[in-house]
All heavy atoms as atom14 arrays in JSON, in Angstrom:
{
  "sequence": "NPQDAQKIAEQVLINKRSRETAERTRLNIKKKLSGSMDISN",
  "atom14_mask": [
    [1, 1, 1, 1, 1, 1, 1, 1, 0, 0, 0, 0, 0, 0],
    [1, 1, 1, 1, 1, 1, 1, 0, 0, 0, 0, 0, 0, 0],
    [1, 1, 1, 1, 1, 1, 1, 1, 1, 0, 0, 0, 0, 0],
    [1, 1, 1, 1, 1, 1, 1, 1, 0, 0, 0, 0, 0, 0],
    [1, 1, 1, 1, 1, 0, 0, 0, 0, 0, 0, 0, 0, 0],
    [1, 1, 1, 1, 1, 1, 1, 1, 1, 0, 0, 0, 0, 0],
    [1, 1, 1, 1, 1, 1, 1, 1, 1, 0, 0, 0, 0, 0],
    [1, 1, 1, 1, 1, 1, 1, 1, 0, 0, 0, 0, 0, 0],
    [1, 1, 1, 1, 1, 0, 0, 0, 0, 0, 0, 0, 0, 0],
    [1, 1, 1, 1, 1, 1, 1, 1, 1, 0, 0, 0, 0, 0],
    [1, 1, 1, 1, 1, 1, 1, 1, 1, 0, 0, 0, 0, 0],
    [1, 1, 1, 1, 1, 1, 1, 0, 0, 0, 0, 0, 0, 0],
    [1, 1, 1, 1, 1, 1, 1, 1, 0, 0, 0, 0, 0, 0],
    [1, 1, 1, 1, 1, 1, 1, 1, 0, 0, 0, 0, 0, 0],
    [1, 1, 1, 1, 1, 1, 1, 1, 0, 0, 0, 0, 0, 0],
    [1, 1, 1, 1, 1, 1, 1, 1, 1, 0, 0, 0, 0, 0],
    [1, 1, 1, 1, 1, 1, 1, 1, 1, 1, 1, 0, 0, 0],
    [1, 1, 1, 1, 1, 1, 0, 0, 0, 0, 0, 0, 0, 0],
    [1, 1, 1, 1, 1, 1, 1, 1, 1, 1, 1, 0, 0, 0],
    [1, 1, 1, 1, 1, 1, 1, 1, 1, 0, 0, 0, 0, 0],
    [1, 1, 1, 1, 1, 1, 1, 0, 0, 0, 0, 0, 0, 0],
    [1, 1, 1, 1, 1, 0, 0, 0, 0, 0, 0, 0, 0, 0],
    [1, 1, 1, 1, 1, 1, 1, 1, 1, 0, 0, 0, 0, 0],
    [1, 1, 1, 1, 1, 1, 1, 1, 1, 1, 1, 0, 0, 0],
    [1, 1, 1, 1, 1, 1, 1, 0, 0, 0, 0, 0, 0, 0],
    [1, 1, 1, 1, 1, 1, 1, 1, 1, 1, 1, 0, 0, 0],
    [1, 1, 1, 1, 1, 1, 1, 1, 0, 0, 0, 0, 0, 0],
    [1, 1, 1, 1, 1, 1, 1, 1, 0, 0, 0, 0, 0, 0],
    [1, 1, 1, 1, 1, 1, 1, 1, 0, 0, 0, 0, 0, 0],
    [1, 1, 1, 1, 1, 1, 1, 1, 1, 0, 0, 0, 0, 0],
    [1, 1, 1, 1, 1, 1, 1, 1, 1, 0, 0, 0, 0, 0],
    [1, 1, 1, 1, 1, 1, 1, 1, 1, 0, 0, 0, 0, 0],
    [1, 1, 1, 1, 1, 1, 1, 1, 0, 0, 0, 0, 0, 0],
    [1, 1, 1, 1, 1, 1, 0, 0, 0, 0, 0, 0, 0, 0],
    [1, 1, 1, 1, 0, 0, 0, 0, 0, 0, 0, 0, 0, 0],
    [1, 1, 1, 1, 1, 1, 0, 0, 0, 0, 0, 0, 0, 0],
    [1, 1, 1, 1, 1, 1, 1, 1, 0, 0, 0, 0, 0, 0],
    [1, 1, 1, 1, 1, 1, 1, 1, 0, 0, 0, 0, 0, 0],
    [1, 1, 1, 1, 1, 1, 1, 1, 0, 0, 0, 0, 0, 0],
    [1, 1, 1, 1, 1, 1, 0, 0, 0, 0, 0, 0, 0, 0],
    [1, 1, 1, 1, 1, 1, 1, 1, 0, 0, 0, 0, 0, 0]
  ],
  "atom14_positions": [
    [[142.79, 73.32, 91.61], [141.95, 72.34, 90.94], [141.78, 71.08, 91.82], [142.32, 69.97, 91.56], [142.55, 71.83, 89.64], [142.76, 73.05, 88.64], [141.84, 73.38, 87.9], [143.97, 73.6, 88.68], [0.0, 0.0, 0.0], [0.0, 0.0, 0.0], [0.0, 0.0, 0.0], [0.0, 0.0, 0.0], [0.0, 0.0, 0.0], [0.0, 0.0, 0.0]],
    [[141.04, 71.25, 92.99], [140.95, 70.16, 93.95], [140.33, 68.91, 93.4], [140.8, 67.73, 93.7], [140.1, 70.8, 95.12], [139.4, 71.88, 94.43], [140.23, 72.41, 93.44], [0.0, 0.0, 0.0], [0.0, 0.0, 0.0], [0.0, 0.0, 0.0], [0.0, 0.0, 0.0], [0.0, 0.0, 0.0], [0.0, 0.0, 0.0], [0.0, 0.0, 0.0]],
    [[139.34, 68.98, 92.48], [138.7, 67.8, 91.98], [139.64, 67.0, 91.05], [139.8, 65.81, 91.11], [137.43, 68.18, 91.16], [136.31, 68.69, 92.06], [135.0, 68.95, 91.28], [135.14, 69.26, 90.07], [133.89, 68.88, 91.93], [0.0, 0.0, 0.0], [0.0, 0.0, 0.0], [0.0, 0.0, 0.0], [0.0, 0.0, 0.0], [0.0, 0.0, 0.0]],
    [[140.39, 67.78, 90.16], [141.4, 67.12, 89.32], [142.5, 66.51, 90.19], [143.01, 65.43, 89.83], [141.98, 68.14, 88.32], [141.01, 68.46, 87.26], [139.97, 67.73, 87.07], [141.25, 69.5, 86.48], [0.0, 0.0, 0.0], [0.0, 0.0, 0.0], [0.0, 0.0, 0.0], [0.0, 0.0, 0.0], [0.0, 0.0, 0.0], [0.0, 0.0, 0.0]],
    [[142.9, 67.15, 91.26], [143.95, 66.69, 92.1], [143.58, 65.34, 92.72], [144.33, 64.41, 92.8], [144.33, 67.76, 93.1], [0.0, 0.0, 0.0], [0.0, 0.0, 0.0], [0.0, 0.0, 0.0], [0.0, 0.0, 0.0], [0.0, 0.0, 0.0], [0.0, 0.0, 0.0], [0.0, 0.0, 0.0], [0.0, 0.0, 0.0], [0.0, 0.0, 0.0]],
    [[142.27, 65.31, 93.16], [141.75, 63.98, 93.76], [141.8, 62.86, 92.68], [142.23, 61.78, 92.99], [140.31, 64.22, 94.2], [140.19, 65.14, 95.39], [140.55, 64.45, 96.74], [140.68, 63.2, 96.76], [140.76, 65.19, 97.78], [0.0, 0.0, 0.0], [0.0, 0.0, 0.0], [0.0, 0.0, 0.0], [0.0, 0.0, 0.0], [0.0, 0.0, 0.0]],
    [[141.37, 63.19, 91.49], [141.38, 62.16, 90.44], [142.83, 61.65, 90.12], [142.99, 60.47, 90.04], [140.81, 62.73, 89.08], [139.34, 62.99, 89.13], [138.9, 63.59, 87.79], [137.49, 64.0, 87.72], [137.13, 64.71, 86.46], [0.0, 0.0, 0.0], [0.0, 0.0, 0.0], [0.0, 0.0, 0.0], [0.0, 0.0, 0.0], [0.0, 0.0, 0.0]],
    [[143.75, 62.6, 90.1], [145.15, 62.22, 89.75], [145.69, 61.42, 90.92], [146.27, 60.34, 90.69], [146.0, 63.55, 89.63], [145.57, 64.32, 88.34], [147.47, 63.18, 89.57], [146.1, 65.7, 88.29], [0.0, 0.0, 0.0], [0.0, 0.0, 0.0], [0.0, 0.0, 0.0], [0.0, 0.0, 0.0], [0.0, 0.0, 0.0], [0.0, 0.0, 0.0]],
    [[145.44, 61.8, 92.18], [145.95, 61.11, 93.32], [145.42, 59.7, 93.4], [146.15, 58.72, 93.57], [145.62, 61.84, 94.6], [0.0, 0.0, 0.0], [0.0, 0.0, 0.0], [0.0, 0.0, 0.0], [0.0, 0.0, 0.0], [0.0, 0.0, 0.0], [0.0, 0.0, 0.0], [0.0, 0.0, 0.0], [0.0, 0.0, 0.0], [0.0, 0.0, 0.0]],
    [[144.12, 59.52, 93.11], [143.5, 58.19, 93.17], [144.03, 57.27, 92.05], [144.3, 56.1, 92.3], [141.96, 58.31, 93.01], [141.32, 58.84, 94.3], [139.86, 59.28, 94.1], [139.33, 59.0, 93.0], [139.27, 59.93, 95.02], [0.0, 0.0, 0.0], [0.0, 0.0, 0.0], [0.0, 0.0, 0.0], [0.0, 0.0, 0.0], [0.0, 0.0, 0.0]],
    [[144.22, 57.88, 90.84], [144.73, 57.05, 89.7], [146.15, 56.66, 89.96], [146.54, 55.54, 89.65], [144.65, 57.87, 88.38], [144.99, 57.11, 87.19], [144.2, 55.88, 86.95], [142.93, 55.97, 86.93], [144.78, 54.74, 86.7], [0.0, 0.0, 0.0], [0.0, 0.0, 0.0], [0.0, 0.0, 0.0], [0.0, 0.0, 0.0], [0.0, 0.0, 0.0]],
    [[146.94, 57.57, 90.54], [148.4, 57.19, 90.76], [148.51, 56.14, 91.86], [149.29, 55.2, 91.71], [149.17, 58.49, 91.25], [150.52, 58.1, 91.79], [149.32, 59.38, 90.08], [0.0, 0.0, 0.0], [0.0, 0.0, 0.0], [0.0, 0.0, 0.0], [0.0, 0.0, 0.0], [0.0, 0.0, 0.0], [0.0, 0.0, 0.0], [0.0, 0.0, 0.0]],
    [[147.65, 56.19, 92.87], [147.64, 55.13, 93.91], [147.17, 53.82, 93.31], [147.63, 52.74, 93.73], [146.78, 55.65, 95.08], [147.42, 56.73, 95.95], [146.39, 57.16, 97.02], [148.67, 56.19, 96.63], [0.0, 0.0, 0.0], [0.0, 0.0, 0.0], [0.0, 0.0, 0.0], [0.0, 0.0, 0.0], [0.0, 0.0, 0.0], [0.0, 0.0, 0.0]],
    [[146.14, 53.88, 92.44], [145.68, 52.62, 91.81], [146.89, 52.0, 91.0], [147.09, 50.79, 91.09], [144.51, 52.91, 90.87], [143.29, 53.18, 91.66], [144.26, 51.78, 89.89], [142.08, 53.71, 90.83], [0.0, 0.0, 0.0], [0.0, 0.0, 0.0], [0.0, 0.0, 0.0], [0.0, 0.0, 0.0], [0.0, 0.0, 0.0], [0.0, 0.0, 0.0]],
    [[147.62, 52.83, 90.3], [148.68, 52.36, 89.51], [149.75, 51.76, 90.44], [150.37, 50.57, 90.12], [149.38, 53.45, 88.73], [148.47, 54.01, 87.61], [147.46, 53.38, 87.24], [148.79, 55.17, 87.12], [0.0, 0.0, 0.0], [0.0, 0.0, 0.0], [0.0, 0.0, 0.0], [0.0, 0.0, 0.0], [0.0, 0.0, 0.0], [0.0, 0.0, 0.0]],
    [[150.04, 52.39, 91.54], [151.06, 51.98, 92.52], [150.68, 50.61, 93.11], [151.47, 49.66, 93.13], [151.22, 53.04, 93.57], [152.22, 52.58, 94.74], [152.25, 53.67, 95.78], [153.05, 53.24, 96.96], [152.5, 52.11, 97.67], [0.0, 0.0, 0.0], [0.0, 0.0, 0.0], [0.0, 0.0, 0.0], [0.0, 0.0, 0.0], [0.0, 0.0, 0.0]],
    [[149.46, 50.58, 93.59], [149.01, 49.36, 94.35], [148.87, 48.16, 93.35], [149.14, 47.01, 93.79], [147.69, 49.62, 95.06], [147.93, 50.5, 96.32], [146.66, 51.2, 96.79], [147.03, 52.14, 97.9], [146.16, 53.08, 98.35], [144.96, 53.18, 97.82], [146.5, 53.91, 99.33], [0.0, 0.0, 0.0], [0.0, 0.0, 0.0], [0.0, 0.0, 0.0]],
    [[148.37, 48.4, 92.15], [148.29, 47.32, 91.2], [149.64, 46.87, 90.83], [149.88, 45.61, 90.61], [147.47, 47.75, 89.91], [148.17, 48.83, 89.26], [0.0, 0.0, 0.0], [0.0, 0.0, 0.0], [0.0, 0.0, 0.0], [0.0, 0.0, 0.0], [0.0, 0.0, 0.0], [0.0, 0.0, 0.0], [0.0, 0.0, 0.0], [0.0, 0.0, 0.0]],
    [[150.65, 47.75, 90.72], [152.06, 47.29, 90.43], [152.57, 46.43, 91.52], [153.22, 45.44, 91.27], [152.91, 48.53, 90.13], [154.34, 48.26, 89.93], [155.15, 49.54, 89.76], [155.1, 50.5, 90.86], [155.72, 50.42, 91.93], [156.59, 49.41, 92.15], [155.61, 51.38, 92.9], [0.0, 0.0, 0.0], [0.0, 0.0, 0.0], [0.0, 0.0, 0.0]],
    [[152.34, 46.91, 92.76], [152.86, 46.15, 93.94], [152.21, 44.8, 94.04], [152.86, 43.78, 94.3], [152.65, 46.97, 95.2], [153.52, 48.17, 95.27], [153.21, 49.09, 96.46], [152.07, 48.93, 97.0], [154.06, 49.92, 96.82], [0.0, 0.0, 0.0], [0.0, 0.0, 0.0], [0.0, 0.0, 0.0], [0.0, 0.0, 0.0], [0.0, 0.0, 0.0]],
    [[150.91, 44.74, 93.74], [150.13, 43.44, 93.78], [150.72, 42.48, 92.73], [150.92, 41.31, 93.01], [148.73, 43.69, 93.58], [148.15, 44.55, 94.62], [147.95, 42.34, 93.67], [0.0, 0.0, 0.0], [0.0, 0.0, 0.0], [0.0, 0.0, 0.0], [0.0, 0.0, 0.0], [0.0, 0.0, 0.0], [0.0, 0.0, 0.0], [0.0, 0.0, 0.0]],
    [[150.9, 43.1, 91.53], [151.41, 42.24, 90.4], [152.86, 41.77, 90.74], [153.2, 40.58, 90.43], [151.47, 43.07, 89.1], [0.0, 0.0, 0.0], [0.0, 0.0, 0.0], [0.0, 0.0, 0.0], [0.0, 0.0, 0.0], [0.0, 0.0, 0.0], [0.0, 0.0, 0.0], [0.0, 0.0, 0.0], [0.0, 0.0, 0.0], [0.0, 0.0, 0.0]],
    [[153.62, 42.49, 91.39], [155.02, 42.1, 91.8], [154.96, 41.03, 92.82], [155.67, 40.06, 92.76], [155.81, 43.34, 92.29], [157.26, 43.05, 92.69], [158.08, 42.61, 91.47], [157.66, 42.82, 90.32], [159.2, 42.08, 91.72], [0.0, 0.0, 0.0], [0.0, 0.0, 0.0], [0.0, 0.0, 0.0], [0.0, 0.0, 0.0], [0.0, 0.0, 0.0]],
    [[154.1, 41.17, 93.83], [153.95, 40.1, 94.81], [153.49, 38.74, 94.2], [153.99, 37.72, 94.51], [152.95, 40.55, 95.9], [153.53, 41.51, 96.92], [152.68, 41.65, 98.11], [151.34, 42.14, 97.82], [151.05, 43.42, 97.84], [151.96, 44.35, 98.18], [149.84, 43.82, 97.59], [0.0, 0.0, 0.0], [0.0, 0.0, 0.0], [0.0, 0.0, 0.0]],
    [[152.51, 38.92, 93.24], [152.05, 37.7, 92.59], [153.21, 37.09, 91.82], [153.27, 35.89, 91.81], [150.9, 38.11, 91.61], [149.84, 38.75, 92.46], [150.24, 36.87, 91.01], [0.0, 0.0, 0.0], [0.0, 0.0, 0.0], [0.0, 0.0, 0.0], [0.0, 0.0, 0.0], [0.0, 0.0, 0.0], [0.0, 0.0, 0.0], [0.0, 0.0, 0.0]],
    [[153.95, 37.9, 91.1], [155.02, 37.36, 90.31], [156.06, 36.55, 91.18], [156.5, 35.51, 90.84], [155.75, 38.5, 89.59], [156.85, 38.04, 88.63], [157.57, 39.27, 88.01], [158.43, 39.85, 88.98], [159.65, 39.46, 89.29], [160.11, 38.41, 88.77], [160.31, 40.14, 90.18], [0.0, 0.0, 0.0], [0.0, 0.0, 0.0], [0.0, 0.0, 0.0]],
    [[156.39, 37.16, 92.4], [157.34, 36.59, 93.26], [156.84, 35.29, 93.85], [157.5, 34.31, 94.05], [157.79, 37.5, 94.33], [158.52, 38.75, 93.91], [158.8, 39.74, 95.06], [159.94, 38.38, 93.32], [0.0, 0.0, 0.0], [0.0, 0.0, 0.0], [0.0, 0.0, 0.0], [0.0, 0.0, 0.0], [0.0, 0.0, 0.0], [0.0, 0.0, 0.0]],
    [[155.52, 35.27, 94.21], [154.91, 34.04, 94.78], [154.86, 32.96, 93.73], [155.15, 31.76, 94.06], [153.41, 34.39, 95.26], [153.4, 35.25, 96.47], [154.42, 35.26, 97.22], [152.34, 35.92, 96.65], [0.0, 0.0, 0.0], [0.0, 0.0, 0.0], [0.0, 0.0, 0.0], [0.0, 0.0, 0.0], [0.0, 0.0, 0.0], [0.0, 0.0, 0.0]],
    [[154.49, 33.23, 92.51], [154.49, 32.26, 91.46], [155.88, 31.71, 91.26], [156.11, 30.48, 91.0], [153.84, 32.83, 90.14], [152.4, 33.04, 90.33], [154.12, 31.82, 89.05], [151.76, 33.78, 89.19], [0.0, 0.0, 0.0], [0.0, 0.0, 0.0], [0.0, 0.0, 0.0], [0.0, 0.0, 0.0], [0.0, 0.0, 0.0], [0.0, 0.0, 0.0]],
    [[156.86, 32.69, 91.2], [158.24, 32.22, 91.05], [158.71, 31.27, 92.11], [159.42, 30.37, 91.9], [159.18, 33.54, 90.95], [160.63, 33.26, 90.64], [161.39, 34.54, 90.63], [162.88, 34.3, 90.37], [163.62, 35.56, 90.34], [0.0, 0.0, 0.0], [0.0, 0.0, 0.0], [0.0, 0.0, 0.0], [0.0, 0.0, 0.0], [0.0, 0.0, 0.0]],
    [[158.34, 31.65, 93.36], [158.78, 30.79, 94.49], [158.13, 29.46, 94.37], [158.79, 28.39, 94.69], [158.32, 31.55, 95.79], [158.74, 30.85, 97.05], [158.33, 31.74, 98.28], [158.77, 31.06, 99.57], [158.39, 31.87, 100.74], [0.0, 0.0, 0.0], [0.0, 0.0, 0.0], [0.0, 0.0, 0.0], [0.0, 0.0, 0.0], [0.0, 0.0, 0.0]],
    [[156.82, 29.44, 93.99], [156.11, 28.16, 93.86], [156.71, 27.29, 92.77], [156.94, 26.07, 92.94], [154.63, 28.48, 93.53], [153.79, 27.19, 93.46], [152.33, 27.6, 93.15], [151.45, 26.39, 93.13], [150.0, 26.79, 92.82], [0.0, 0.0, 0.0], [0.0, 0.0, 0.0], [0.0, 0.0, 0.0], [0.0, 0.0, 0.0], [0.0, 0.0, 0.0]],
    [[157.04, 27.9, 91.61], [157.65, 27.15, 90.52], [159.02, 26.71, 90.88], [159.48, 25.65, 90.41], [157.64, 27.95, 89.3], [156.25, 28.34, 88.66], [156.45, 29.26, 87.48], [155.57, 27.08, 88.17], [0.0, 0.0, 0.0], [0.0, 0.0, 0.0], [0.0, 0.0, 0.0], [0.0, 0.0, 0.0], [0.0, 0.0, 0.0], [0.0, 0.0, 0.0]],
    [[159.69, 27.43, 91.68], [161.12, 27.13, 92.03], [161.11, 25.95, 93.06], [162.21, 25.36, 93.32], [161.87, 28.3, 92.65], [161.91, 29.36, 91.72], [0.0, 0.0, 0.0], [0.0, 0.0, 0.0], [0.0, 0.0, 0.0], [0.0, 0.0, 0.0], [0.0, 0.0, 0.0], [0.0, 0.0, 0.0], [0.0, 0.0, 0.0], [0.0, 0.0, 0.0]],
    [[160.04, 25.69, 93.69], [159.99, 24.65, 94.7], [160.3, 23.24, 94.19], [160.82, 22.4, 94.96], [0.0, 0.0, 0.0], [0.0, 0.0, 0.0], [0.0, 0.0, 0.0], [0.0, 0.0, 0.0], [0.0, 0.0, 0.0], [0.0, 0.0, 0.0], [0.0, 0.0, 0.0], [0.0, 0.0, 0.0], [0.0, 0.0, 0.0], [0.0, 0.0, 0.0]],
    [[160.1, 23.04, 92.94], [160.44, 21.75, 92.33], [161.92, 21.63, 91.98], [162.39, 20.46, 91.67], [159.57, 21.5, 91.08], [159.84, 22.57, 90.12], [0.0, 0.0, 0.0], [0.0, 0.0, 0.0], [0.0, 0.0, 0.0], [0.0, 0.0, 0.0], [0.0, 0.0, 0.0], [0.0, 0.0, 0.0], [0.0, 0.0, 0.0], [0.0, 0.0, 0.0]],
    [[162.68, 22.66, 92.09], [164.05, 22.62, 91.74], [164.86, 22.09, 93.01], [164.38, 22.05, 94.14], [164.61, 24.03, 91.44], [163.91, 24.58, 90.17], [164.37, 26.28, 89.83], [166.05, 26.06, 89.36], [0.0, 0.0, 0.0], [0.0, 0.0, 0.0], [0.0, 0.0, 0.0], [0.0, 0.0, 0.0], [0.0, 0.0, 0.0], [0.0, 0.0, 0.0]],
    [[166.05, 21.72, 92.81], [166.85, 21.08, 93.98], [167.35, 22.14, 94.88], [167.23, 23.35, 94.61], [167.99, 20.23, 93.42], [169.01, 21.11, 92.64], [169.01, 22.32, 92.86], [169.79, 20.58, 91.82], [0.0, 0.0, 0.0], [0.0, 0.0, 0.0], [0.0, 0.0, 0.0], [0.0, 0.0, 0.0], [0.0, 0.0, 0.0], [0.0, 0.0, 0.0]],
    [[167.78, 21.72, 96.03], [168.14, 22.58, 97.15], [169.16, 23.61, 96.75], [169.2, 24.73, 97.3], [168.56, 21.76, 98.35], [168.62, 22.68, 99.61], [169.86, 21.0, 98.11], [168.83, 21.89, 100.94], [0.0, 0.0, 0.0], [0.0, 0.0, 0.0], [0.0, 0.0, 0.0], [0.0, 0.0, 0.0], [0.0, 0.0, 0.0], [0.0, 0.0, 0.0]],
    [[170.12, 23.24, 95.92], [171.24, 24.16, 95.57], [170.77, 25.46, 94.91], [171.42, 26.49, 94.97], [172.28, 23.43, 94.71], [171.68, 23.09, 93.47], [0.0, 0.0, 0.0], [0.0, 0.0, 0.0], [0.0, 0.0, 0.0], [0.0, 0.0, 0.0], [0.0, 0.0, 0.0], [0.0, 0.0, 0.0], [0.0, 0.0, 0.0], [0.0, 0.0, 0.0]],
    [[169.55, 25.41, 94.28], [169.03, 26.6, 93.61], [168.2, 27.42, 94.54], [167.86, 28.56, 94.24], [168.18, 26.27, 92.36], [169.09, 25.71, 91.29], [170.05, 26.33, 90.9], [168.79, 24.53, 90.73], [0.0, 0.0, 0.0], [0.0, 0.0, 0.0], [0.0, 0.0, 0.0], [0.0, 0.0, 0.0], [0.0, 0.0, 0.0], [0.0, 0.0, 0.0]]
  ]
}
């Protein structure tokens, strides 16, 4: 089922890349918000 396999592969990669993008965004926002905290944190 080559056509179904292509659909599955593309959807899984979309899920993977969107998850990684969301994680990077989360870490960037966390870093930005943490900037106002003192040096010990």
